[in-house]
């Protein structure tokens, strides 16, 4: 096996990616949404632990952090999953089964 030379690696970096602009934009947005999801998770725990004695509308801030934070976390997760399906062009490979499973008789 021969190693790839330094010049070949540099020329390979000059070739354009096969990734479309929408995919690149989605990767940026997806990383931002993932970061927001982590921040929301940490804030839910921090507020639930630290703000138990403060009340708004007869409910403590700990309960409000759960009421608001959990649906927001789920919403961001759904947005990431739906965005992956819509923006990324990951096509499934169709393969033929050599010996399909037959129904017993």
PDB file of N, CA and C in Angstrom:
ATOM      1  N   UNK A   1       0.834  -1.171   0.000  1.00  0.00           N
ATOM      2  CA  UNK A   1       0.000   0.000   0.000  1.00  0.00           C
ATOM      3  C   UNK A   1       0.885   1.243   0.000  1.00  0.00           C
ATOM      4  N   UNK A   2       0.480   2.170  -0.803  1.00  0.00           N
ATOM      5  CA  UNK A   2       1.235   3.420  -0.855  1.00  0.00           C
ATOM      6  C   UNK A   2       0.458   4.503  -0.123  1.00  0.00           C
ATOM      7  N   UNK A   3       1.195   5.326   0.560  1.00  0.00           N
ATOM      8  CA  UNK A   3       0.576   6.430   1.271  1.00  0.00           C
ATOM      9  C   UNK A   3       0.210   7.533   0.299  1.00  0.00           C
ATOM     10  N   UNK A   4      -0.818   8.280   0.662  1.00  0.00           N
ATOM     11  CA  UNK A   4      -1.220   9.421  -0.143  1.00  0.00           C
ATOM     12  C   UNK A   4      -0.259  10.560   0.161  1.00  0.00           C
ATOM     13  N   UNK A   5       0.272  11.149  -0.870  1.00  0.00           N
ATOM     14  CA  UNK A   5       1.261  12.211  -0.662  1.00  0.00           C
ATOM     15  C   UNK A   5       0.580  13.491  -0.175  1.00  0.00           C
ATOM     16  N   UNK A   6       1.396  14.373   0.330  1.00  0.00           N
ATOM     17  CA  UNK A   6       0.907  15.640   0.855  1.00  0.00           C
ATOM     18  C   UNK A   6       0.244  16.457  -0.244  1.00  0.00           C
ATOM     19  N   UNK A   7       0.820  16.474  -1.428  1.00  0.00           N
ATOM     20  CA  UNK A   7       0.270  17.257  -2.547  1.00  0.00           C
ATOM     21  C   UNK A   7      -1.091  16.695  -2.967  1.00  0.00           C
ATOM     22  N   UNK A   8      -1.241  15.379  -2.969  1.00  0.00           N
ATOM     23  CA  UNK A   8      -2.531  14.785  -3.325  1.00  0.00           C
ATOM     24  C   UNK A   8      -3.594  15.130  -2.295  1.00  0.00           C
ATOM     25  N   UNK A   9      -3.212  15.184  -1.030  1.00  0.00           N
ATOM     26  CA  UNK A   9      -4.178  15.570   0.006  1.00  0.00           C
ATOM     27  C   UNK A   9      -4.615  17.014  -0.154  1.00  0.00           C
ATOM     28  N   UNK A  10      -3.686  17.891  -0.487  1.00  0.00           N
ATOM     29  CA  UNK A  10      -4.017  19.310  -0.684  1.00  0.00           C
ATOM     30  C   UNK A  10      -4.940  19.471  -1.890  1.00  0.00           C
ATOM     31  N   UNK A  11      -4.661  18.773  -2.969  1.00  0.00           N
ATOM     32  CA  UNK A  11      -5.529  18.881  -4.154  1.00  0.00           C
ATOM     33  C   UNK A  11      -6.900  18.284  -3.878  1.00  0.00           C
ATOM     34  N   UNK A  12      -6.969  17.255  -3.033  1.00  0.00           N
ATOM     35  CA  UNK A  12      -8.264  16.680  -2.677  1.00  0.00           C
ATOM     36  C   UNK A  12      -9.089  17.661  -1.861  1.00  0.00           C
ATOM     37  N   UNK A  13      -8.430  18.527  -1.086  1.00  0.00           N
ATOM     38  CA  UNK A  13      -9.158  19.528  -0.310  1.00  0.00           C
ATOM     39  C   UNK A  13      -9.722  20.631  -1.199  1.00  0.00           C
ATOM     40  N   UNK A  14      -9.138  20.849  -2.366  1.00  0.00           N
ATOM     41  CA  UNK A  14      -9.613  21.884  -3.276  1.00  0.00           C
ATOM     42  C   UNK A  14     -10.868  21.472  -4.029  1.00  0.00           C
ATOM     43  N   UNK A  15     -11.154  20.185  -4.093  1.00  0.00           N
ATOM     44  CA  UNK A  15     -12.338  19.713  -4.804  1.00  0.00           C
ATOM     45  C   UNK A  15     -13.582  20.071  -3.995  1.00  0.00           C
ATOM     46  N   UNK A  16     -14.630  20.492  -4.668  1.00  0.00           N
ATOM     47  CA  UNK A  16     -15.851  20.872  -3.933  1.00  0.00           C
ATOM     48  C   UNK A  16     -16.538  19.640  -3.332  1.00  0.00           C
ATOM     49  N   UNK A  17     -17.208  19.891  -2.243  1.00  0.00           N
ATOM     50  CA  UNK A  17     -17.975  18.828  -1.597  1.00  0.00           C
ATOM     51  C   UNK A  17     -19.181  18.483  -2.455  1.00  0.00           C
ATOM     52  N   UNK A  18     -19.709  17.310  -2.235  1.00  0.00           N
ATOM     53  CA  UNK A  18     -20.931  16.898  -2.913  1.00  0.00           C
ATOM     54  C   UNK A  18     -22.162  17.259  -2.089  1.00  0.00           C
ATOM     55  N   UNK A  19     -21.973  18.079  -1.068  1.00  0.00           N
ATOM     56  CA  UNK A  19     -23.057  18.454  -0.175  1.00  0.00           C
ATOM     57  C   UNK A  19     -23.727  19.718  -0.701  1.00  0.00           C
ATOM     58  N   UNK A  20     -25.049  19.719  -0.698  1.00  0.00           N
ATOM     59  CA  UNK A  20     -25.794  20.889  -1.162  1.00  0.00           C
ATOM     60  C   UNK A  20     -25.805  21.964  -0.078  1.00  0.00           C
ATOM     61  N   UNK A  21     -26.162  23.169  -0.494  1.00  0.00           N
ATOM     62  CA  UNK A  21     -26.195  24.293   0.451  1.00  0.00           C
ATOM     63  C   UNK A  21     -27.240  24.092   1.538  1.00  0.00           C
ATOM     64  N   UNK A  22     -28.387  23.526   1.163  1.00  0.00           N
ATOM     65  CA  UNK A  22     -29.427  23.310   2.171  1.00  0.00           C
ATOM     66  C   UNK A  22     -28.966  22.332   3.240  1.00  0.00           C
ATOM     67  N   UNK A  23     -28.193  21.326   2.844  1.00  0.00           N
ATOM     68  CA  UNK A  23     -27.676  20.383   3.827  1.00  0.00           C
ATOM     69  C   UNK A  23     -26.672  21.059   4.760  1.00  0.00           C
ATOM     70  N   UNK A  24     -25.830  21.916   4.208  1.00  0.00           N
ATOM     71  CA  UNK A  24     -24.856  22.618   5.044  1.00  0.00           C
ATOM     72  C   UNK A  24     -25.555  23.555   6.019  1.00  0.00           C
ATOM     73  N   UNK A  25     -26.573  24.256   5.543  1.00  0.00           N
ATOM     74  CA  UNK A  25     -27.326  25.151   6.422  1.00  0.00           C
ATOM     75  C   UNK A  25     -28.028  24.345   7.500  1.00  0.00           C
ATOM     76  N   UNK A  26     -28.608  23.196   7.127  1.00  0.00           N
ATOM     77  CA  UNK A  26     -29.305  22.374   8.112  1.00  0.00           C
ATOM     78  C   UNK A  26     -28.341  21.839   9.174  1.00  0.00           C
ATOM     79  N   UNK A  27     -27.119  21.484   8.776  1.00  0.00           N
ATOM     80  CA  UNK A  27     -26.142  21.022   9.760  1.00  0.00           C
ATOM     81  C   UNK A  27     -25.842  22.111  10.784  1.00  0.00           C
ATOM     82  N   UNK A  28     -25.775  23.350  10.339  1.00  0.00           N
ATOM     83  CA  UNK A  28     -25.537  24.466  11.260  1.00  0.00           C
ATOM     84  C   UNK A  28     -26.732  24.672  12.184  1.00  0.00           C
ATOM     85  N   UNK A  29     -27.934  24.672  11.614  1.00  0.00           N
ATOM     86  CA  UNK A  29     -29.145  24.861  12.414  1.00  0.00           C
ATOM     87  C   UNK A  29     -29.323  23.696  13.386  1.00  0.00           C
ATOM     88  N   UNK A  30     -29.036  22.482  12.924  1.00  0.00           N
ATOM     89  CA  UNK A  30     -29.196  21.304  13.772  1.00  0.00           C
ATOM     90  C   UNK A  30     -28.232  21.345  14.958  1.00  0.00           C
ATOM     91  N   UNK A  31     -27.014  21.796  14.726  1.00  0.00           N
ATOM     92  CA  UNK A  31     -26.075  21.887  15.853  1.00  0.00           C
ATOM     93  C   UNK A  31     -26.523  22.954  16.848  1.00  0.00           C
ATOM     94  N   UNK A  32     -27.089  24.060  16.344  1.00  0.00           N
ATOM     95  CA  UNK A  32     -27.622  25.089  17.235  1.00  0.00           C
ATOM     96  C   UNK A  32     -28.804  24.545  18.039  1.00  0.00           C
ATOM     97  N   UNK A  33     -29.714  23.802  17.388  1.00  0.00           N
ATOM     98  CA  UNK A  33     -30.859  23.222  18.099  1.00  0.00           C
ATOM     99  C   UNK A  33     -30.413  22.189  19.129  1.00  0.00           C
ATOM    100  N   UNK A  34     -29.403  21.413  18.787  1.00  0.00           N
ATOM    101  CA  UNK A  34     -28.877  20.444  19.746  1.00  0.00           C
ATOM    102  C   UNK A  34     -28.263  21.119  20.956  1.00  0.00           C
ATOM    103  N   UNK A  35     -27.540  22.210  20.729  1.00  0.00           N
ATOM    104  CA  UNK A  35     -26.966  22.968  21.832  1.00  0.00           C
ATOM    105  C   UNK A  35     -28.062  23.580  22.700  1.00  0.00           C
ATOM    106  N   UNK A  36     -29.102  24.098  22.070  1.00  0.00           N
ATOM    107  CA  UNK A  36     -30.227  24.668  22.828  1.00  0.00           C
ATOM    108  C   UNK A  36     -30.920  23.589  23.658  1.00  0.00           C
ATOM    109  N   UNK A  37     -31.000  22.388  23.117  1.00  0.00           N
ATOM    110  CA  UNK A  37     -31.629  21.281  23.842  1.00  0.00           C
ATOM    111  C   UNK A  37     -30.838  20.934  25.098  1.00  0.00           C
ATOM    112  N   UNK A  38     -29.524  20.936  25.003  1.00  0.00           N
ATOM    113  CA  UNK A  38     -28.683  20.664  26.172  1.00  0.00           C
ATOM    114  C   UNK A  38     -28.836  21.778  27.204  1.00  0.00           C
ATOM    115  N   UNK A  39     -28.849  23.019  26.742  1.00  0.00           N
ATOM    116  CA  UNK A  39     -29.000  24.160  27.660  1.00  0.00           C
ATOM    117  C   UNK A  39     -30.352  24.101  28.366  1.00  0.00           C
ATOM    118  N   UNK A  40     -31.406  23.775  27.635  1.00  0.00           N
ATOM    119  CA  UNK A  40     -32.734  23.671  28.242  1.00  0.00           C
ATOM    120  C   UNK A  40     -32.753  22.569  29.295  1.00  0.00           C
ATOM    121  N   UNK A  41     -32.142  21.437  28.987  1.00  0.00           N
ATOM    122  CA  UNK A  41     -32.091  20.328  29.938  1.00  0.00           C
ATOM    123  C   UNK A  41     -31.385  20.741  31.222  1.00  0.00           C
ATOM    124  N   UNK A  42     -30.246  21.420  31.100  1.00  0.00           N
ATOM    125  CA  UNK A  42     -29.500  21.858  32.284  1.00  0.00           C
ATOM    126  C   UNK A  42     -30.295  22.899  33.064  1.00  0.00           C
ATOM    127  N   UNK A  43     -30.949  23.819  32.352  1.00  0.00           N
ATOM    128  CA  UNK A  43     -31.749  24.844  33.038  1.00  0.00           C
ATOM    129  C   UNK A  43     -32.957  24.251  33.755  1.00  0.00           C
ATOM    130  N   UNK A  44     -33.572  23.232  33.172  1.00  0.00           N
ATOM    131  CA  UNK A  44     -34.708  22.584  33.845  1.00  0.00           C
ATOM    132  C   UNK A  44     -34.261  22.027  35.190  1.00  0.00           C
ATOM    133  N   UNK A  45     -33.134  21.337  35.184  1.00  0.00           N
ATOM    134  CA  UNK A  45     -32.635  20.745  36.433  1.00  0.00           C
ATOM    135  C   UNK A  45     -32.223  21.835  37.421  1.00  0.00           C
ATOM    136  N   UNK A  46     -31.513  22.858  36.943  1.00  0.00           N
ATOM    137  CA  UNK A  46     -31.037  23.916  37.837  1.00  0.00           C
ATOM    138  C   UNK A  46     -32.199  24.686  38.455  1.00  0.00           C
ATOM    139  N   UNK A  47     -33.176  25.054  37.638  1.00  0.00           N
ATOM    140  CA  UNK A  47     -34.323  25.804  38.167  1.00  0.00           C
ATOM    141  C   UNK A  47     -35.149  24.942  39.105  1.00  0.00           C
ATOM    142  N   UNK A  48     -35.312  23.673  38.776  1.00  0.00           N
ATOM    143  CA  UNK A  48     -36.098  22.791  39.644  1.00  0.00           C
ATOM    144  C   UNK A  48     -35.433  22.615  41.004  1.00  0.00           C
ATOM    145  N   UNK A  49     -34.114  22.618  41.035  1.00  0.00           N
ATOM    146  CA  UNK A  49     -33.416  22.436  42.311  1.00  0.00           C
ATOM    147  C   UNK A  49     -33.297  23.736  43.117  1.00  0.00           C
ATOM    148  N   UNK A  50     -33.103  24.841  42.424  1.00  0.00           N
ATOM    149  CA  UNK A  50     -32.792  26.089  43.139  1.00  0.00           C
ATOM    150  C   UNK A  50     -34.004  26.959  43.449  1.00  0.00           C
ATOM    151  N   UNK A  51     -35.070  26.844  42.702  1.00  0.00           N
ATOM    152  CA  UNK A  51     -36.178  27.784  42.831  1.00  0.00           C
ATOM    153  C   UNK A  51     -37.444  27.143  43.410  1.00  0.00           C
ATOM    154  N   UNK A  52     -37.288  26.245  44.362  1.00  0.00           N
ATOM    155  CA  UNK A  52     -38.458  25.580  44.927  1.00  0.00           C
ATOM    156  C   UNK A  52     -39.288  26.495  45.825  1.00  0.00           C
ATOM    157  N   UNK A  53     -38.661  27.501  46.411  1.00  0.00           N
ATOM    158  CA  UNK A  53     -39.386  28.333  47.374  1.00  0.00           C
ATOM    159  C   UNK A  53     -40.091  29.532  46.747  1.00  0.00           C
ATOM    160  N   UNK A  54     -39.869  29.785  45.442  1.00  0.00           N
ATOM    161  CA  UNK A  54     -40.544  30.898  44.766  1.00  0.00           C
ATOM    162  C   UNK A  54     -41.788  30.386  44.057  1.00  0.00           C
ATOM    163  N   UNK A  55     -42.876  31.154  44.191  1.00  0.00           N
ATOM    164  CA  UNK A  55     -44.152  30.709  43.637  1.00  0.00           C
ATOM    165  C   UNK A  55     -44.688  31.718  42.631  1.00  0.00           C
ATOM    166  N   UNK A  56     -45.267  31.207  41.567  1.00  0.00           N
ATOM    167  CA  UNK A  56     -45.973  32.017  40.577  1.00  0.00           C
ATOM    168  C   UNK A  56     -47.293  31.306  40.300  1.00  0.00           C
ATOM    169  N   UNK A  57     -48.382  31.982  40.578  1.00  0.00           N
ATOM    170  CA  UNK A  57     -49.690  31.394  40.334  1.00  0.00           C
ATOM    171  C   UNK A  57     -49.922  30.116  41.119  1.00  0.00           C
ATOM    172  N   UNK A  58     -49.569  30.112  42.376  1.00  0.00           N
ATOM    173  CA  UNK A  58     -49.735  29.001  43.302  1.00  0.00           C
ATOM    174  C   UNK A  58     -48.948  27.747  42.923  1.00  0.00           C
ATOM    175  N   UNK A  59     -48.007  27.874  41.994  1.00  0.00           N
ATOM    176  CA  UNK A  59     -47.108  26.773  41.665  1.00  0.00           C
ATOM    177  C   UNK A  59     -45.677  27.273  41.809  1.00  0.00           C
ATOM    178  N   UNK A  60     -44.815  26.409  42.292  1.00  0.00           N
ATOM    179  CA  UNK A  60     -43.419  26.823  42.466  1.00  0.00           C
ATOM    180  C   UNK A  60     -42.734  26.912  41.105  1.00  0.00           C
ATOM    181  N   UNK A  61     -41.621  27.652  41.070  1.00  0.00           N
ATOM    182  CA  UNK A  61     -40.864  27.773  39.830  1.00  0.00           C
ATOM    183  C   UNK A  61     -40.305  26.433  39.382  1.00  0.00           C
ATOM    184  N   UNK A  62     -40.094  25.519  40.311  1.00  0.00           N
ATOM    185  CA  UNK A  62     -39.627  24.180  39.950  1.00  0.00           C
ATOM    186  C   UNK A  62     -40.666  23.476  39.080  1.00  0.00           C
ATOM    187  N   UNK A  63     -41.916  23.601  39.443  1.00  0.00           N
ATOM    188  CA  UNK A  63     -42.986  22.980  38.648  1.00  0.00           C
ATOM    189  C   UNK A  63     -43.129  23.692  37.305  1.00  0.00           C
ATOM    190  N   UNK A  64     -43.022  25.024  37.318  1.00  0.00           N
ATOM    191  CA  UNK A  64     -43.123  25.769  36.054  1.00  0.00           C
ATOM    192  C   UNK A  64     -41.982  25.412  35.109  1.00  0.00           C
ATOM    193  N   UNK A  65     -40.789  25.175  35.650  1.00  0.00           N
ATOM    194  CA  UNK A  65     -39.675  24.788  34.777  1.00  0.00           C
ATOM    195  C   UNK A  65     -39.959  23.454  34.111  1.00  0.00           C
ATOM    196  N   UNK A  66     -40.620  22.546  34.811  1.00  0.00           N
ATOM    197  CA  UNK A  66     -40.990  21.267  34.202  1.00  0.00           C
ATOM    198  C   UNK A  66     -42.126  21.429  33.199  1.00  0.00           C
ATOM    199  N   UNK A  67     -43.109  22.269  33.549  1.00  0.00           N
ATOM    200  CA  UNK A  67     -44.260  22.469  32.664  1.00  0.00           C
ATOM    201  C   UNK A  67     -43.828  23.095  31.342  1.00  0.00           C
ATOM    202  N   UNK A  68     -42.910  24.035  31.391  1.00  0.00           N
ATOM    203  CA  UNK A  68     -42.456  24.715  30.179  1.00  0.00           C
ATOM    204  C   UNK A  68     -41.294  23.975  29.521  1.00  0.00           C
ATOM    205  N   UNK A  69     -40.372  23.474  30.319  1.00  0.00           N
ATOM    206  CA  UNK A  69     -39.136  22.921  29.780  1.00  0.00           C
ATOM    207  C   UNK A  69     -39.285  21.590  29.067  1.00  0.00           C
ATOM    208  N   UNK A  70     -40.081  20.685  29.608  1.00  0.00           N
ATOM    209  CA  UNK A  70     -40.213  19.364  28.988  1.00  0.00           C
ATOM    210  C   UNK A  70     -40.871  19.450  27.614  1.00  0.00           C
ATOM    211  N   UNK A  71     -41.999  20.172  27.443  1.00  0.00           N
ATOM    212  CA  UNK A  71     -42.538  20.289  26.080  1.00  0.00           C
ATOM    213  C   UNK A  71     -41.591  21.005  25.118  1.00  0.00           C
ATOM    214  N   UNK A  72     -40.837  21.982  25.609  1.00  0.00           N
ATOM    215  CA  UNK A  72     -39.878  22.676  24.757  1.00  0.00           C
ATOM    216  C   UNK A  72     -38.753  21.733  24.321  1.00  0.00           C
ATOM    217  N   UNK A  73     -38.295  20.896  25.226  1.00  0.00           N
ATOM    218  CA  UNK A  73     -37.272  19.895  24.907  1.00  0.00           C
ATOM    219  C   UNK A  73     -37.793  18.906  23.863  1.00  0.00           C
ATOM    220  N   UNK A  74     -39.024  18.460  24.038  1.00  0.00           N
ATOM    221  CA  UNK A  74     -39.621  17.518  23.075  1.00  0.00           C
ATOM    222  C   UNK A  74     -39.823  18.192  21.727  1.00  0.00           C
ATOM    223  N   UNK A  75     -40.255  19.441  21.731  1.00  0.00           N
ATOM    224  CA  UNK A  75     -40.447  20.171  20.485  1.00  0.00           C
ATOM    225  C   UNK A  75     -39.139  20.304  19.712  1.00  0.00           C
ATOM    226  N   UNK A  76     -38.059  20.651  20.393  1.00  0.00           N
ATOM    227  CA  UNK A  76     -36.764  20.750  19.719  1.00  0.00           C
ATOM    228  C   UNK A  76     -36.310  19.396  19.188  1.00  0.00           C
ATOM    229  N   UNK A  77     -36.562  18.341  19.934  1.00  0.00           N
ATOM    230  CA  UNK A  77     -36.191  17.004  19.470  1.00  0.00           C
ATOM    231  C   UNK A  77     -36.966  16.628  18.210  1.00  0.00           C
ATOM    232  N   UNK A  78     -38.256  16.938  18.188  1.00  0.00           N
ATOM    233  CA  UNK A  78     -39.077  16.637  17.013  1.00  0.00           C
ATOM    234  C   UNK A  78     -38.626  17.468  15.817  1.00  0.00           C
ATOM    235  N   UNK A  79     -38.288  18.735  16.053  1.00  0.00           N
ATOM    236  CA  UNK A  79     -37.790  19.583  14.969  1.00  0.00           C
ATOM    237  C   UNK A  79     -36.498  19.033  14.371  1.00  0.00           C
ATOM    238  N   UNK A  80     -35.616  18.520  15.214  1.00  0.00           N
ATOM    239  CA  UNK A  80     -34.368  17.951  14.717  1.00  0.00           C
ATOM    240  C   UNK A  80     -34.643  16.703  13.895  1.00  0.00           C
ATOM    241  N   UNK A  81     -35.526  15.845  14.378  1.00  0.00           N
ATOM    242  CA  UNK A  81     -35.836  14.607  13.655  1.00  0.00           C
ATOM    243  C   UNK A  81     -36.520  14.913  12.329  1.00  0.00           C
ATOM    244  N   UNK A  82     -37.485  15.824  12.334  1.00  0.00           N
ATOM    245  CA  UNK A  82     -38.184  16.172  11.092  1.00  0.00           C
ATOM    246  C   UNK A  82     -37.259  16.876  10.112  1.00  0.00           C
ATOM    247  N   UNK A  83     -36.387  17.733  10.614  1.00  0.00           N
ATOM    248  CA  UNK A  83     -35.440  18.420   9.747  1.00  0.00           C
ATOM    249  C   UNK A  83     -34.457  17.468   9.102  1.00  0.00           C
ATOM    250  N   UNK A  84     -34.018  16.449   9.842  1.00  0.00           N
ATOM    251  CA  UNK A  84     -33.128  15.448   9.258  1.00  0.00           C
ATOM    252  C   UNK A  84     -33.812  14.728   8.106  1.00  0.00           C
ATOM    253  N   UNK A  85     -35.069  14.407   8.287  1.00  0.00           N
ATOM    254  CA  UNK A  85     -35.803  13.715   7.226  1.00  0.00           C
ATOM    255  C   UNK A  85     -36.066  14.600   6.018  1.00  0.00           C
ATOM    256  N   UNK A  86     -36.232  15.885   6.246  1.00  0.00           N
ATOM    257  CA  UNK A  86     -36.581  16.791   5.151  1.00  0.00           C
ATOM    258  C   UNK A  86     -35.360  17.311   4.397  1.00  0.00           C
ATOM    259  N   UNK A  87     -34.306  17.677   5.118  1.00  0.00           N
ATOM    260  CA  UNK A  87     -33.171  18.356   4.488  1.00  0.00           C
ATOM    261  C   UNK A  87     -32.031  17.437   4.070  1.00  0.00           C
ATOM    262  N   UNK A  88     -31.838  16.331   4.763  1.00  0.00           N
ATOM    263  CA  UNK A  88     -30.713  15.469   4.427  1.00  0.00           C
ATOM    264  C   UNK A  88     -31.117  14.463   3.361  1.00  0.00           C
ATOM    265  N   UNK A  89     -30.275  14.289   2.393  1.00  0.00           N
ATOM    266  CA  UNK A  89     -30.557  13.373   1.297  1.00  0.00           C
ATOM    267  C   UNK A  89     -29.913  12.020   1.548  1.00  0.00           C
ATOM    268  N   UNK A  90     -30.355  11.348   2.561  1.00  0.00           N
ATOM    269  CA  UNK A  90     -29.850  10.018   2.852  1.00  0.00           C
ATOM    270  C   UNK A  90     -30.814   9.023   2.223  1.00  0.00           C
ATOM    271  N   UNK A  91     -30.447   8.535   1.082  1.00  0.00           N
ATOM    272  CA  UNK A  91     -31.315   7.604   0.374  1.00  0.00           C
ATOM    273  C   UNK A  91     -31.022   6.186   0.825  1.00  0.00           C
ATOM    274  N   UNK A  92     -32.095   5.432   1.004  1.00  0.00           N
ATOM    275  CA  UNK A  92     -31.934   4.043   1.416  1.00  0.00           C
ATOM    276  C   UNK A  92     -31.498   3.210   0.227  1.00  0.00           C
ATOM    277  N   UNK A  93     -30.584   2.311   0.491  1.00  0.00           N
ATOM    278  CA  UNK A  93     -30.138   1.417  -0.558  1.00  0.00           C
ATOM    279  C   UNK A  93     -31.125   0.255  -0.651  1.00  0.00           C
ATOM    280  N   UNK A  94     -31.639   0.036  -1.830  1.00  0.00           N
ATOM    281  CA  UNK A  94     -32.560  -1.077  -2.032  1.00  0.00           C
ATOM    282  C   UNK A  94     -31.744  -2.283  -2.466  1.00  0.00           C
ATOM    283  N   UNK A  95     -31.837  -3.311  -1.688  1.00  0.00           N
ATOM    284  CA  UNK A  95     -31.112  -4.525  -2.022  1.00  0.00           C
ATOM    285  C   UNK A  95     -32.101  -5.666  -2.175  1.00  0.00           C
ATOM    286  N   UNK A  96     -31.752  -6.585  -3.019  1.00  0.00           N
ATOM    287  CA  UNK A  96     -32.593  -7.755  -3.226  1.00  0.00           C
ATOM    288  C   UNK A  96     -32.216  -8.827  -2.215  1.00  0.00           C
ATOM    289  N   UNK A  97     -33.210  -9.488  -1.690  1.00  0.00           N
ATOM    290  CA  UNK A  97     -32.980 -10.570  -0.755  1.00  0.00           C
ATOM    291  C   UNK A  97     -32.763 -11.841  -1.563  1.00  0.00           C
ATOM    292  N   UNK A  98     -31.642 -12.501  -1.316  1.00  0.00           N
ATOM    293  CA  UNK A  98     -31.341 -13.704  -2.083  1.00  0.00           C
ATOM    294  C   UNK A  98     -32.264 -14.849  -1.737  1.00  0.00           C
ATOM    295  N   UNK A  99     -32.514 -15.036  -0.468  1.00  0.00           N
ATOM    296  CA  UNK A  99     -33.405 -16.106  -0.031  1.00  0.00           C
ATOM    297  C   UNK A  99     -34.467 -15.510   0.872  1.00  0.00           C
ATOM    298  N   UNK A 100     -35.592 -15.087   0.338  1.00  0.00           N
ATOM    299  CA  UNK A 100     -36.613 -14.455   1.181  1.00  0.00           C
ATOM    300  C   UNK A 100     -37.247 -15.473   2.119  1.00  0.00           C
ATOM    301  N   UNK A 101     -37.731 -14.970   3.231  1.00  0.00           N
ATOM    302  CA  UNK A 101     -38.405 -15.829   4.205  1.00  0.00           C
ATOM    303  C   UNK A 101     -39.787 -16.143   3.654  1.00  0.00           C
ATOM    304  N   UNK A 102     -40.078 -17.406   3.555  1.00  0.00           N
ATOM    305  CA  UNK A 102     -41.371 -17.843   3.037  1.00  0.00           C
ATOM    306  C   UNK A 102     -42.319 -18.159   4.195  1.00  0.00           C
ATOM    307  N   UNK A 103     -43.590 -18.017   3.951  1.00  0.00           N
ATOM    308  CA  UNK A 103     -44.591 -18.294   4.948  1.00  0.00           C
ATOM    309  C   UNK A 103     -44.733 -19.805   5.117  1.00  0.00           C
ATOM    310  N   UNK A 104     -44.829 -20.247   6.358  1.00  0.00           N
ATOM    311  CA  UNK A 104     -45.028 -21.676   6.614  1.00  0.00           C
ATOM    312  C   UNK A 104     -46.424 -22.097   6.202  1.00  0.00           C
ATOM    313  N   UNK A 105     -46.493 -23.311   5.751  1.00  0.00           N
ATOM    314  CA  UNK A 105     -47.821 -23.796   5.326  1.00  0.00           C
ATOM    315  C   UNK A 105     -48.288 -24.907   6.202  1.00  0.00           C
TER     316      UNK A 105
END
